[in-house]
Amino acid sequence: MPAEPRVDPRLLDAVEVALTRSSTAALEASHEVLAHYGDTGDAPTQRALNTMIDQAADALAALTDSLVEMSGELRATATAATSTAATSFPSRPSRPTGATGSSARPLRGRENRG
């Protein structure tokens, strides 16, 4: 069985952040569409316009739900990938005191001190 391809967890985090921003924008657009009901003065035209606005808002709401779901899946995948990477790869030499990085790096440094 071929090895599962490794994806950089930072890339997954970046995509998750972009999906979250997109879902927020889609939700805001849905609310904005609903705020733009117009009065056409003609009953059949008004019904058609109202239907179109409702359908557009529903489509944006469905897009929001999909983006939120994908964001959550990516967050879980990134968390799992980070956990796997931390336990699968040998520790690097510890960094000098004061170095910044991900939350996993100080743990590796503690392992090397022992």
PDB file of N, CA and C in Angstrom:
ATOM      1  N   MET A   1       0.850  -1.170   0.000  1.00  0.00           N
ATOM      2  CA  MET A   1       0.000   0.000   0.000  1.00  0.00           C
ATOM      3  C   MET A   1       0.903   1.244   0.000  1.00  0.00           C
ATOM      4  N   PRO A   2       0.660   2.193  -0.916  1.00  0.00           N
ATOM      5  CA  PRO A   2       1.516   3.381  -0.969  1.00  0.00           C
ATOM      6  C   PRO A   2       1.348   4.237   0.283  1.00  0.00           C
ATOM      7  N   ALA A   3       2.426   4.906   0.610  1.00  0.00           N
ATOM      8  CA  ALA A   3       2.402   5.780   1.791  1.00  0.00           C
ATOM      9  C   ALA A   3       1.463   6.957   1.544  1.00  0.00           C
ATOM     10  N   GLU A   4       0.810   7.378   2.601  1.00  0.00           N
ATOM     11  CA  GLU A   4      -0.092   8.523   2.507  1.00  0.00           C
ATOM     12  C   GLU A   4       0.738   9.780   2.309  1.00  0.00           C
ATOM     13  N   PRO A   5       0.362  10.628   1.332  1.00  0.00           N
ATOM     14  CA  PRO A   5       1.152  11.841   1.109  1.00  0.00           C
ATOM     15  C   PRO A   5       1.083  12.765   2.320  1.00  0.00           C
ATOM     16  N   ARG A   6       2.192  13.395   2.629  1.00  0.00           N
ATOM     17  CA  ARG A   6       2.240  14.312   3.771  1.00  0.00           C
ATOM     18  C   ARG A   6       1.949  15.728   3.287  1.00  0.00           C
ATOM     19  N   VAL A   7       1.127  16.400   4.041  1.00  0.00           N
ATOM     20  CA  VAL A   7       0.777  17.784   3.741  1.00  0.00           C
ATOM     21  C   VAL A   7       1.242  18.635   4.911  1.00  0.00           C
ATOM     22  N   ASP A   8       1.856  19.738   4.592  1.00  0.00           N
ATOM     23  CA  ASP A   8       2.334  20.652   5.623  1.00  0.00           C
ATOM     24  C   ASP A   8       1.134  21.175   6.415  1.00  0.00           C
ATOM     25  N   PRO A   9       1.087  20.965   7.726  1.00  0.00           N
ATOM     26  CA  PRO A   9      -0.041  21.438   8.535  1.00  0.00           C
ATOM     27  C   PRO A   9      -0.237  22.951   8.440  1.00  0.00           C
ATOM     28  N   ARG A  10       0.848  23.686   8.190  1.00  0.00           N
ATOM     29  CA  ARG A  10       0.711  25.145   8.058  1.00  0.00           C
ATOM     30  C   ARG A  10      -0.113  25.495   6.825  1.00  0.00           C
ATOM     31  N   LEU A  11       0.024  24.697   5.769  1.00  0.00           N
ATOM     32  CA  LEU A  11      -0.780  24.911   4.567  1.00  0.00           C
ATOM     33  C   LEU A  11      -2.254  24.647   4.869  1.00  0.00           C
ATOM     34  N   LEU A  12      -2.521  23.585   5.600  1.00  0.00           N
ATOM     35  CA  LEU A  12      -3.899  23.288   5.991  1.00  0.00           C
ATOM     36  C   LEU A  12      -4.473  24.401   6.852  1.00  0.00           C
ATOM     37  N   ASP A  13      -3.659  24.934   7.751  1.00  0.00           N
ATOM     38  CA  ASP A  13      -4.108  26.046   8.591  1.00  0.00           C
ATOM     39  C   ASP A  13      -4.451  27.263   7.743  1.00  0.00           C
ATOM     40  N   ALA A  14      -3.606  27.556   6.756  1.00  0.00           N
ATOM     41  CA  ALA A  14      -3.847  28.724   5.895  1.00  0.00           C
ATOM     42  C   ALA A  14      -5.128  28.556   5.086  1.00  0.00           C
ATOM     43  N   VAL A  15      -5.360  27.366   4.574  1.00  0.00           N
ATOM     44  CA  VAL A  15      -6.589  27.113   3.816  1.00  0.00           C
ATOM     45  C   VAL A  15      -7.800  27.195   4.738  1.00  0.00           C
ATOM     46  N   GLU A  16      -7.666  26.679   5.943  1.00  0.00           N
ATOM     47  CA  GLU A  16      -8.770  26.734   6.915  1.00  0.00           C
ATOM     48  C   GLU A  16      -9.124  28.180   7.251  1.00  0.00           C
ATOM     49  N   VAL A  17      -8.123  29.021   7.416  1.00  0.00           N
ATOM     50  CA  VAL A  17      -8.370  30.442   7.700  1.00  0.00           C
ATOM     51  C   VAL A  17      -9.080  31.096   6.513  1.00  0.00           C
ATOM     52  N   ALA A  18      -8.644  30.781   5.299  1.00  0.00           N
ATOM     53  CA  ALA A  18      -9.283  31.350   4.101  1.00  0.00           C
ATOM     54  C   ALA A  18     -10.728  30.880   3.984  1.00  0.00           C
ATOM     55  N   LEU A  19     -10.989  29.620   4.282  1.00  0.00           N
ATOM     56  CA  LEU A  19     -12.364  29.113   4.233  1.00  0.00           C
ATOM     57  C   LEU A  19     -13.235  29.787   5.283  1.00  0.00           C
ATOM     58  N   THR A  20     -12.679  30.020   6.450  1.00  0.00           N
ATOM     59  CA  THR A  20     -13.436  30.696   7.504  1.00  0.00           C
ATOM     60  C   THR A  20     -13.792  32.111   7.076  1.00  0.00           C
ATOM     61  N   ARG A  21     -12.810  32.824   6.494  1.00  0.00           N
ATOM     62  CA  ARG A  21     -13.088  34.177   6.007  1.00  0.00           C
ATOM     63  C   ARG A  21     -14.146  34.158   4.908  1.00  0.00           C
ATOM     64  N   SER A  22     -14.053  33.191   4.014  1.00  0.00           N
ATOM     65  CA  SER A  22     -15.015  33.084   2.922  1.00  0.00           C
ATOM     66  C   SER A  22     -16.415  32.771   3.428  1.00  0.00           C
ATOM     67  N   SER A  23     -16.506  31.911   4.437  1.00  0.00           N
ATOM     68  CA  SER A  23     -17.830  31.584   4.978  1.00  0.00           C
ATOM     69  C   SER A  23     -18.450  32.797   5.651  1.00  0.00           C
ATOM     70  N   THR A  24     -17.635  33.586   6.336  1.00  0.00           N
ATOM     71  CA  THR A  24     -18.137  34.813   6.960  1.00  0.00           C
ATOM     72  C   THR A  24     -18.630  35.788   5.892  1.00  0.00           C
ATOM     73  N   ALA A  25     -17.876  35.928   4.814  1.00  0.00           N
ATOM     74  CA  ALA A  25     -18.271  36.826   3.728  1.00  0.00           C
ATOM     75  C   ALA A  25     -19.557  36.344   3.056  1.00  0.00           C
ATOM     76  N   ALA A  26     -19.693  35.038   2.865  1.00  0.00           N
ATOM     77  CA  ALA A  26     -20.903  34.500   2.241  1.00  0.00           C
ATOM     78  C   ALA A  26     -22.124  34.728   3.131  1.00  0.00           C
ATOM     79  N   LEU A  27     -21.947  34.567   4.430  1.00  0.00           N
ATOM     80  CA  LEU A  27     -23.055  34.801   5.357  1.00  0.00           C
ATOM     81  C   LEU A  27     -23.467  36.276   5.341  1.00  0.00           C
ATOM     82  N   GLU A  28     -22.478  37.160   5.358  1.00  0.00           N
ATOM     83  CA  GLU A  28     -22.781  38.590   5.294  1.00  0.00           C
ATOM     84  C   GLU A  28     -23.484  38.945   3.984  1.00  0.00           C
ATOM     85  N   ALA A  29     -23.048  38.342   2.891  1.00  0.00           N
ATOM     86  CA  ALA A  29     -23.682  38.600   1.595  1.00  0.00           C
ATOM     87  C   ALA A  29     -25.125  38.110   1.591  1.00  0.00           C
ATOM     88  N   SER A  30     -25.372  36.978   2.236  1.00  0.00           N
ATOM     89  CA  SER A  30     -26.733  36.458   2.343  1.00  0.00           C
ATOM     90  C   SER A  30     -27.639  37.450   3.054  1.00  0.00           C
ATOM     91  N   HIS A  31     -27.151  38.001   4.155  1.00  0.00           N
ATOM     92  CA  HIS A  31     -27.939  38.991   4.896  1.00  0.00           C
ATOM     93  C   HIS A  31     -28.139  40.263   4.070  1.00  0.00           C
ATOM     94  N   GLU A  32     -27.107  40.650   3.348  1.00  0.00           N
ATOM     95  CA  GLU A  32     -27.204  41.853   2.522  1.00  0.00           C
ATOM     96  C   GLU A  32     -28.220  41.674   1.394  1.00  0.00           C
ATOM     97  N   VAL A  33     -28.225  40.501   0.775  1.00  0.00           N
ATOM     98  CA  VAL A  33     -29.194  40.222  -0.293  1.00  0.00           C
ATOM     99  C   VAL A  33     -30.611  40.327   0.259  1.00  0.00           C
ATOM    100  N   LEU A  34     -30.836  39.759   1.435  1.00  0.00           N
ATOM    101  CA  LEU A  34     -32.175  39.801   2.021  1.00  0.00           C
ATOM    102  C   LEU A  34     -32.604  41.232   2.376  1.00  0.00           C
ATOM    103  N   ALA A  35     -31.657  42.094   2.613  1.00  0.00           N
ATOM    104  CA  ALA A  35     -31.978  43.481   2.958  1.00  0.00           C
ATOM    105  C   ALA A  35     -32.348  44.320   1.729  1.00  0.00           C
ATOM    106  N   HIS A  36     -32.228  43.753   0.543  1.00  0.00           N
ATOM    107  CA  HIS A  36     -32.453  44.514  -0.680  1.00  0.00           C
ATOM    108  C   HIS A  36     -33.779  44.184  -1.368  1.00  0.00           C
ATOM    109  N   TYR A  37     -34.777  43.878  -0.587  1.00  0.00           N
ATOM    110  CA  TYR A  37     -36.089  43.679  -1.196  1.00  0.00           C
ATOM    111  C   TYR A  37     -36.545  45.009  -1.776  1.00  0.00           C
ATOM    112  N   GLY A  38     -36.992  44.958  -3.002  1.00  0.00           N
ATOM    113  CA  GLY A  38     -37.481  46.177  -3.645  1.00  0.00           C
ATOM    114  C   GLY A  38     -38.963  46.074  -3.935  1.00  0.00           C
ATOM    115  N   ASP A  39     -39.584  47.190  -4.161  1.00  0.00           N
ATOM    116  CA  ASP A  39     -41.004  47.217  -4.505  1.00  0.00           C
ATOM    117  C   ASP A  39     -41.118  47.565  -5.987  1.00  0.00           C
ATOM    118  N   THR A  40     -41.588  46.605  -6.774  1.00  0.00           N
ATOM    119  CA  THR A  40     -41.683  46.816  -8.216  1.00  0.00           C
ATOM    120  C   THR A  40     -43.016  47.432  -8.622  1.00  0.00           C
ATOM    121  N   GLY A  41     -44.038  47.295  -7.781  1.00  0.00           N
ATOM    122  CA  GLY A  41     -45.358  47.827  -8.121  1.00  0.00           C
ATOM    123  C   GLY A  41     -46.193  46.873  -8.951  1.00  0.00           C
ATOM    124  N   ASP A  42     -45.631  45.809  -9.410  1.00  0.00           N
ATOM    125  CA  ASP A  42     -46.337  44.816 -10.221  1.00  0.00           C
ATOM    126  C   ASP A  42     -46.267  43.480  -9.469  1.00  0.00           C
ATOM    127  N   ALA A  43     -47.427  42.909  -9.124  1.00  0.00           N
ATOM    128  CA  ALA A  43     -47.471  41.706  -8.280  1.00  0.00           C
ATOM    129  C   ALA A  43     -46.677  40.532  -8.860  1.00  0.00           C
ATOM    130  N   PRO A  44     -46.880  40.150 -10.133  1.00  0.00           N
ATOM    131  CA  PRO A  44     -46.110  39.014 -10.658  1.00  0.00           C
ATOM    132  C   PRO A  44     -44.597  39.292 -10.670  1.00  0.00           C
ATOM    133  N   THR A  45     -44.215  40.503 -11.020  1.00  0.00           N
ATOM    134  CA  THR A  45     -42.790  40.860 -11.030  1.00  0.00           C
ATOM    135  C   THR A  45     -42.239  40.851  -9.613  1.00  0.00           C
ATOM    136  N   GLN A  46     -43.029  41.335  -8.672  1.00  0.00           N
ATOM    137  CA  GLN A  46     -42.606  41.363  -7.273  1.00  0.00           C
ATOM    138  C   GLN A  46     -42.383  39.948  -6.748  1.00  0.00           C
ATOM    139  N   ARG A  47     -43.303  39.031  -7.063  1.00  0.00           N
ATOM    140  CA  ARG A  47     -43.147  37.631  -6.628  1.00  0.00           C
ATOM    141  C   ARG A  47     -41.884  37.026  -7.229  1.00  0.00           C
ATOM    142  N   ALA A  48     -41.641  37.306  -8.501  1.00  0.00           N
ATOM    143  CA  ALA A  48     -40.438  36.764  -9.156  1.00  0.00           C
ATOM    144  C   ALA A  48     -39.171  37.328  -8.512  1.00  0.00           C
ATOM    145  N   LEU A  49     -39.179  38.635  -8.244  1.00  0.00           N
ATOM    146  CA  LEU A  49     -38.028  39.267  -7.601  1.00  0.00           C
ATOM    147  C   LEU A  49     -37.817  38.702  -6.197  1.00  0.00           C
ATOM    148  N   ASN A  50     -38.873  38.585  -5.431  1.00  0.00           N
ATOM    149  CA  ASN A  50     -38.765  38.036  -4.074  1.00  0.00           C
ATOM    150  C   ASN A  50     -38.239  36.599  -4.093  1.00  0.00           C
ATOM    151  N   THR A  51     -38.717  35.806  -5.062  1.00  0.00           N
ATOM    152  CA  THR A  51     -38.253  34.419  -5.199  1.00  0.00           C
ATOM    153  C   THR A  51     -36.767  34.388  -5.524  1.00  0.00           C
ATOM    154  N   MET A  52     -36.347  35.251  -6.444  1.00  0.00           N
ATOM    155  CA  MET A  52     -34.942  35.301  -6.826  1.00  0.00           C
ATOM    156  C   MET A  52     -34.073  35.710  -5.631  1.00  0.00           C
ATOM    157  N   ILE A  53     -34.504  36.689  -4.869  1.00  0.00           N
ATOM    158  CA  ILE A  53     -33.744  37.142  -3.697  1.00  0.00           C
ATOM    159  C   ILE A  53     -33.668  36.023  -2.659  1.00  0.00           C
ATOM    160  N   ASP A  54     -34.782  35.350  -2.413  1.00  0.00           N
ATOM    161  CA  ASP A  54     -34.790  34.242  -1.455  1.00  0.00           C
ATOM    162  C   ASP A  54     -33.854  33.125  -1.900  1.00  0.00           C
ATOM    163  N   GLN A  55     -33.877  32.793  -3.193  1.00  0.00           N
ATOM    164  CA  GLN A  55     -33.018  31.727  -3.703  1.00  0.00           C
ATOM    165  C   GLN A  55     -31.543  32.115  -3.616  1.00  0.00           C
ATOM    166  N   ALA A  56     -31.232  33.371  -3.907  1.00  0.00           N
ATOM    167  CA  ALA A  56     -29.846  33.827  -3.798  1.00  0.00           C
ATOM    168  C   ALA A  56     -29.381  33.751  -2.345  1.00  0.00           C
ATOM    169  N   ALA A  57     -30.218  34.202  -1.425  1.00  0.00           N
ATOM    170  CA  ALA A  57     -29.861  34.144  -0.002  1.00  0.00           C
ATOM    171  C   ALA A  57     -29.705  32.696   0.468  1.00  0.00           C
ATOM    172  N   ASP A  58     -30.585  31.814  -0.001  1.00  0.00           N
ATOM    173  CA  ASP A  58     -30.481  30.394   0.368  1.00  0.00           C
ATOM    174  C   ASP A  58     -29.198  29.772  -0.178  1.00  0.00           C
ATOM    175  N   ALA A  59     -28.845  30.131  -1.411  1.00  0.00           N
ATOM    176  CA  ALA A  59     -27.615  29.606  -2.007  1.00  0.00           C
ATOM    177  C   ALA A  59     -26.391  30.073  -1.222  1.00  0.00           C
ATOM    178  N   LEU A  60     -26.383  31.338  -0.831  1.00  0.00           N
ATOM    179  CA  LEU A  60     -25.272  31.855  -0.034  1.00  0.00           C
ATOM    180  C   LEU A  60     -25.220  31.193   1.345  1.00  0.00           C
ATOM    181  N   ALA A  61     -26.374  30.938   1.940  1.00  0.00           N
ATOM    182  CA  ALA A  61     -26.412  30.252   3.231  1.00  0.00           C
ATOM    183  C   ALA A  61     -25.885  28.819   3.099  1.00  0.00           C
ATOM    184  N   ALA A  62     -26.246  28.135   2.012  1.00  0.00           N
ATOM    185  CA  ALA A  62     -25.745  26.775   1.779  1.00  0.00           C
ATOM    186  C   ALA A  62     -24.229  26.796   1.553  1.00  0.00           C
ATOM    187  N   LEU A  63     -23.748  27.794   0.834  1.00  0.00           N
ATOM    188  CA  LEU A  63     -22.308  27.947   0.634  1.00  0.00           C
ATOM    189  C   LEU A  63     -21.611  28.160   1.977  1.00  0.00           C
ATOM    190  N   THR A  64     -22.196  28.989   2.817  1.00  0.00           N
ATOM    191  CA  THR A  64     -21.641  29.233   4.152  1.00  0.00           C
ATOM    192  C   THR A  64     -21.532  27.923   4.927  1.00  0.00           C
ATOM    193  N   ASP A  65     -22.595  27.138   4.924  1.00  0.00           N
ATOM    194  CA  ASP A  65     -22.583  25.857   5.639  1.00  0.00           C
ATOM    195  C   ASP A  65     -21.490  24.936   5.112  1.00  0.00           C
ATOM    196  N   SER A  66     -21.334  24.862   3.793  1.00  0.00           N
ATOM    197  CA  SER A  66     -20.305  24.005   3.198  1.00  0.00           C
ATOM    198  C   SER A  66     -18.903  24.473   3.575  1.00  0.00           C
ATOM    199  N   LEU A  67     -18.692  25.779   3.531  1.00  0.00           N
ATOM    200  CA  LEU A  67     -17.380  26.317   3.881  1.00  0.00           C
ATOM    201  C   LEU A  67     -17.046  26.074   5.352  1.00  0.00           C
ATOM    202  N   VAL A  68     -18.031  26.220   6.216  1.00  0.00           N
ATOM    203  CA  VAL A  68     -17.812  25.954   7.644  1.00  0.00           C
ATOM    204  C   VAL A  68     -17.473  24.482   7.857  1.00  0.00           C
ATOM    205  N   GLU A  69     -18.171  23.597   7.167  1.00  0.00           N
ATOM    206  CA  GLU A  69     -17.914  22.162   7.295  1.00  0.00           C
ATOM    207  C   GLU A  69     -16.502  21.818   6.809  1.00  0.00           C
ATOM    208  N   MET A  70     -16.117  22.359   5.650  1.00  0.00           N
ATOM    209  CA  MET A  70     -14.780  22.092   5.117  1.00  0.00           C
ATOM    210  C   MET A  70     -13.710  22.666   6.035  1.00  0.00           C
ATOM    211  N   SER A  71     -13.965  23.830   6.591  1.00  0.00           N
ATOM    212  CA  SER A  71     -13.022  24.456   7.512  1.00  0.00           C
ATOM    213  C   SER A  71     -12.802  23.565   8.734  1.00  0.00           C
ATOM    214  N   GLY A  72     -13.883  23.041   9.286  1.00  0.00           N
ATOM    215  CA  GLY A  72     -13.776  22.152  10.435  1.00  0.00           C
ATOM    216  C   GLY A  72     -13.012  20.879  10.117  1.00  0.00           C
ATOM    217  N   GLU A  73     -13.254  20.326   8.928  1.00  0.00           N
ATOM    218  CA  GLU A  73     -12.532  19.114   8.523  1.00  0.00           C
ATOM    219  C   GLU A  73     -11.044  19.396   8.366  1.00  0.00           C
ATOM    220  N   LEU A  74     -10.719  20.539   7.767  1.00  0.00           N
ATOM    221  CA  LEU A  74      -9.310  20.895   7.616  1.00  0.00           C
ATOM    222  C   LEU A  74      -8.647  21.131   8.963  1.00  0.00           C
ATOM    223  N   ARG A  75      -9.365  21.770   9.882  1.00  0.00           N
ATOM    224  CA  ARG A  75      -8.821  22.006  11.218  1.00  0.00           C
ATOM    225  C   ARG A  75      -8.497  20.669  11.884  1.00  0.00           C
ATOM    226  N   ALA A  76      -9.404  19.711  11.771  1.00  0.00           N
ATOM    227  CA  ALA A  76      -9.178  18.389  12.365  1.00  0.00           C
ATOM    228  C   ALA A  76      -8.012  17.677  11.686  1.00  0.00           C
ATOM    229  N   THR A  77      -7.922  17.790  10.367  1.00  0.00           N
ATOM    230  CA  THR A  77      -6.831  17.166   9.629  1.00  0.00           C
ATOM    231  C   THR A  77      -5.494  17.792  10.004  1.00  0.00           C
ATOM    232  N   ALA A  78      -5.472  19.124  10.110  1.00  0.00           N
ATOM    233  CA  ALA A  78      -4.236  19.811  10.482  1.00  0.00           C
ATOM    234  C   ALA A  78      -3.798  19.416  11.885  1.00  0.00           C
ATOM    235  N   THR A  79      -4.750  19.298  12.793  1.00  0.00           N
ATOM    236  CA  THR A  79      -4.436  18.891  14.164  1.00  0.00           C
ATOM    237  C   THR A  79      -3.866  17.475  14.174  1.00  0.00           C
ATOM    238  N   ALA A  80      -4.496  16.589  13.414  1.00  0.00           N
ATOM    239  CA  ALA A  80      -4.015  15.205  13.346  1.00  0.00           C
ATOM    240  C   ALA A  80      -2.636  15.147  12.694  1.00  0.00           C
ATOM    241  N   ALA A  81      -2.431  15.942  11.636  1.00  0.00           N
ATOM    242  CA  ALA A  81      -1.137  15.953  10.954  1.00  0.00           C
ATOM    243  C   ALA A  81      -0.044  16.490  11.869  1.00  0.00           C
ATOM    244  N   THR A  82      -0.368  17.503  12.647  1.00  0.00           N
ATOM    245  CA  THR A  82       0.603  18.070  13.577  1.00  0.00           C
ATOM    246  C   THR A  82       0.961  17.043  14.641  1.00  0.00           C
ATOM    247  N   SER A  83      -0.037  16.334  15.154  1.00  0.00           N
ATOM    248  CA  SER A  83       0.207  15.310  16.166  1.00  0.00           C
ATOM    249  C   SER A  83       1.055  14.180  15.594  1.00  0.00           C
ATOM    250  N   THR A  84       0.739  13.760  14.370  1.00  0.00           N
ATOM    251  CA  THR A  84       1.479  12.688  13.721  1.00  0.00           C
ATOM    252  C   THR A  84       2.907  13.120  13.448  1.00  0.00           C
ATOM    253  N   ALA A  85       3.081  14.353  12.970  1.00  0.00           N
ATOM    254  CA  ALA A  85       4.420  14.847  12.667  1.00  0.00           C
ATOM    255  C   ALA A  85       5.266  14.932  13.931  1.00  0.00           C
ATOM    256  N   ALA A  86       4.657  15.331  15.017  1.00  0.00           N
ATOM    257  CA  ALA A  86       5.397  15.477  16.272  1.00  0.00           C
ATOM    258  C   ALA A  86       5.866  14.126  16.805  1.00  0.00           C
ATOM    259  N   THR A  87       5.114  13.054  16.517  1.00  0.00           N
ATOM    260  CA  THR A  87       5.486  11.740  17.033  1.00  0.00           C
ATOM    261  C   THR A  87       6.223  10.891  16.002  1.00  0.00           C
ATOM    262  N   SER A  88       6.123  11.233  14.695  1.00  0.00           N
ATOM    263  CA  SER A  88       6.701  10.408  13.647  1.00  0.00           C
ATOM    264  C   SER A  88       8.129  10.775  13.293  1.00  0.00           C
ATOM    265  N   PHE A  89       8.468  12.027  13.421  1.00  0.00           N
ATOM    266  CA  PHE A  89       9.761  12.484  12.974  1.00  0.00           C
ATOM    267  C   PHE A  89      10.722  12.591  14.149  1.00  0.00           C
ATOM    268  N   PRO A  90      12.013  12.292  13.889  1.00  0.00           N
ATOM    269  CA  PRO A  90      12.974  12.436  14.979  1.00  0.00           C
ATOM    270  C   PRO A  90      13.080  13.895  15.402  1.00  0.00           C
ATOM    271  N   SER A  91      13.436  14.092  16.630  1.00  0.00           N
ATOM    272  CA  SER A  91      13.554  15.447  17.163  1.00  0.00           C
ATOM    273  C   SER A  91      14.730  16.159  16.527  1.00  0.00           C
ATOM    274  N   ARG A  92      14.542  17.446  16.303  1.00  0.00           N
ATOM    275  CA  ARG A  92      15.643  18.286  15.828  1.00  0.00           C
ATOM    276  C   ARG A  92      16.422  18.752  17.048  1.00  0.00           C
ATOM    277  N   PRO A  93      17.645  19.176  16.826  1.00  0.00           N
ATOM    278  CA  PRO A  93      18.378  19.752  17.959  1.00  0.00           C
ATOM    279  C   PRO A  93      17.611  20.947  18.498  1.00  0.00           C
ATOM    280  N   SER A  94      17.720  21.172  19.787  1.00  0.00           N
ATOM    281  CA  SER A  94      16.966  22.271  20.383  1.00  0.00           C
ATOM    282  C   SER A  94      17.471  23.603  19.856  1.00  0.00           C
ATOM    283  N   ARG A  95      16.556  24.564  19.814  1.00  0.00           N
ATOM    284  CA  ARG A  95      16.889  25.910  19.350  1.00  0.00           C
ATOM    285  C   ARG A  95      17.429  26.708  20.529  1.00  0.00           C
ATOM    286  N   PRO A  96      18.183  27.733  20.218  1.00  0.00           N
ATOM    287  CA  PRO A  96      18.660  28.585  21.306  1.00  0.00           C
ATOM    288  C   PRO A  96      17.496  29.218  22.058  1.00  0.00           C
ATOM    289  N   THR A  97      17.708  29.556  23.310  1.00  0.00           N
ATOM    290  CA  THR A  97      16.678  30.188  24.119  1.00  0.00           C
ATOM    291  C   THR A  97      16.230  31.476  23.457  1.00  0.00           C
ATOM    292  N   GLY A  98      14.914  31.707  23.471  1.00  0.00           N
ATOM    293  CA  GLY A  98      14.370  32.925  22.882  1.00  0.00           C
ATOM    294  C   GLY A  98      13.927  32.743  21.453  1.00  0.00           C
ATOM    295  N   ALA A  99      14.151  31.593  20.841  1.00  0.00           N
ATOM    296  CA  ALA A  99      13.688  31.359  19.473  1.00  0.00           C
ATOM    297  C   ALA A  99      12.187  31.219  19.476  1.00  0.00           C
ATOM    298  N   THR A 100      11.562  31.726  18.441  1.00  0.00           N
ATOM    299  CA  THR A 100      10.112  31.622  18.344  1.00  0.00           C
ATOM    300  C   THR A 100       9.760  30.594  17.302  1.00  0.00           C
ATOM    301  N   GLY A 101       8.559  30.073  17.380  1.00  0.00           N
ATOM    302  CA  GLY A 101       8.102  29.083  16.423  1.00  0.00           C
ATOM    303  C   GLY A 101       6.790  28.518  16.864  1.00  0.00           C
ATOM    304  N   SER A 102       6.444  27.358  16.321  1.00  0.00           N
ATOM    305  CA  SER A 102       5.171  26.747  16.662  1.00  0.00           C
ATOM    306  C   SER A 102       5.214  26.235  18.094  1.00  0.00           C
ATOM    307  N   SER A 103       4.047  25.928  18.612  1.00  0.00           N
ATOM    308  CA  SER A 103       3.971  25.453  19.988  1.00  0.00           C
ATOM    309  C   SER A 103       4.621  24.083  20.147  1.00  0.00           C
ATOM    310  N   ALA A 104       4.842  23.342  19.048  1.00  0.00           N
ATOM    311  CA  ALA A 104       5.448  22.021  19.146  1.00  0.00           C
ATOM    312  C   ALA A 104       6.964  22.102  19.336  1.00  0.00           C
ATOM    313  N   ARG A 105       7.592  23.180  18.935  1.00  0.00           N
ATOM    314  CA  ARG A 105       9.049  23.274  19.002  1.00  0.00           C
ATOM    315  C   ARG A 105       9.605  23.248  20.425  1.00  0.00           C
ATOM    316  N   PRO A 106       9.039  23.991  21.367  1.00  0.00           N
ATOM    317  CA  PRO A 106       9.603  23.924  22.723  1.00  0.00           C
ATOM    318  C   PRO A 106       9.548  22.520  23.304  1.00  0.00           C
ATOM    319  N   LEU A 107       8.524  21.745  22.943  1.00  0.00           N
ATOM    320  CA  LEU A 107       8.420  20.384  23.444  1.00  0.00           C
ATOM    321  C   LEU A 107       9.587  19.551  22.948  1.00  0.00           C
ATOM    322  N   ARG A 108       9.937  19.682  21.672  1.00  0.00           N
ATOM    323  CA  ARG A 108      11.070  18.946  21.129  1.00  0.00           C
ATOM    324  C   ARG A 108      12.346  19.336  21.852  1.00  0.00           C
ATOM    325  N   GLY A 109      12.488  20.625  22.173  1.00  0.00           N
ATOM    326  CA  GLY A 109      13.679  21.085  22.873  1.00  0.00           C
ATOM    327  C   GLY A 109      13.796  20.441  24.243  1.00  0.00           C
ATOM    328  N   ARG A 110      12.681  20.279  24.919  1.00  0.00           N
ATOM    329  CA  ARG A 110      12.695  19.660  26.257  1.00  0.00           C
ATOM    330  C   ARG A 110      13.110  18.201  26.144  1.00  0.00           C
ATOM    331  N   GLU A 111      12.670  17.518  25.057  1.00  0.00           N
ATOM    332  CA  GLU A 111      13.037  16.115  24.894  1.00  0.00           C
ATOM    333  C   GLU A 111      14.538  15.953  24.722  1.00  0.00           C
ATOM    334  N   ASN A 112      15.190  16.900  24.041  1.00  0.00           N
ATOM    335  CA  ASN A 112      16.612  16.800  23.765  1.00  0.00           C
ATOM    336  C   ASN A 112      17.479  17.143  24.967  1.00  0.00           C
ATOM    337  N   ARG A 113      16.946  17.817  25.950  1.00  0.00           N
ATOM    338  CA  ARG A 113      17.729  18.223  27.126  1.00  0.00           C
ATOM    339  C   ARG A 113      18.046  17.046  28.039  1.00  0.00           C
ATOM    340  N   GLY A 114      17.143  16.042  28.036  1.00  0.00           N
ATOM    341  CA  GLY A 114      17.206  14.962  28.973  1.00  0.00           C
ATOM    342  C   GLY A 114      18.438  14.191  28.970  1.00  0.00           C
TER     343      GLY A 114
END
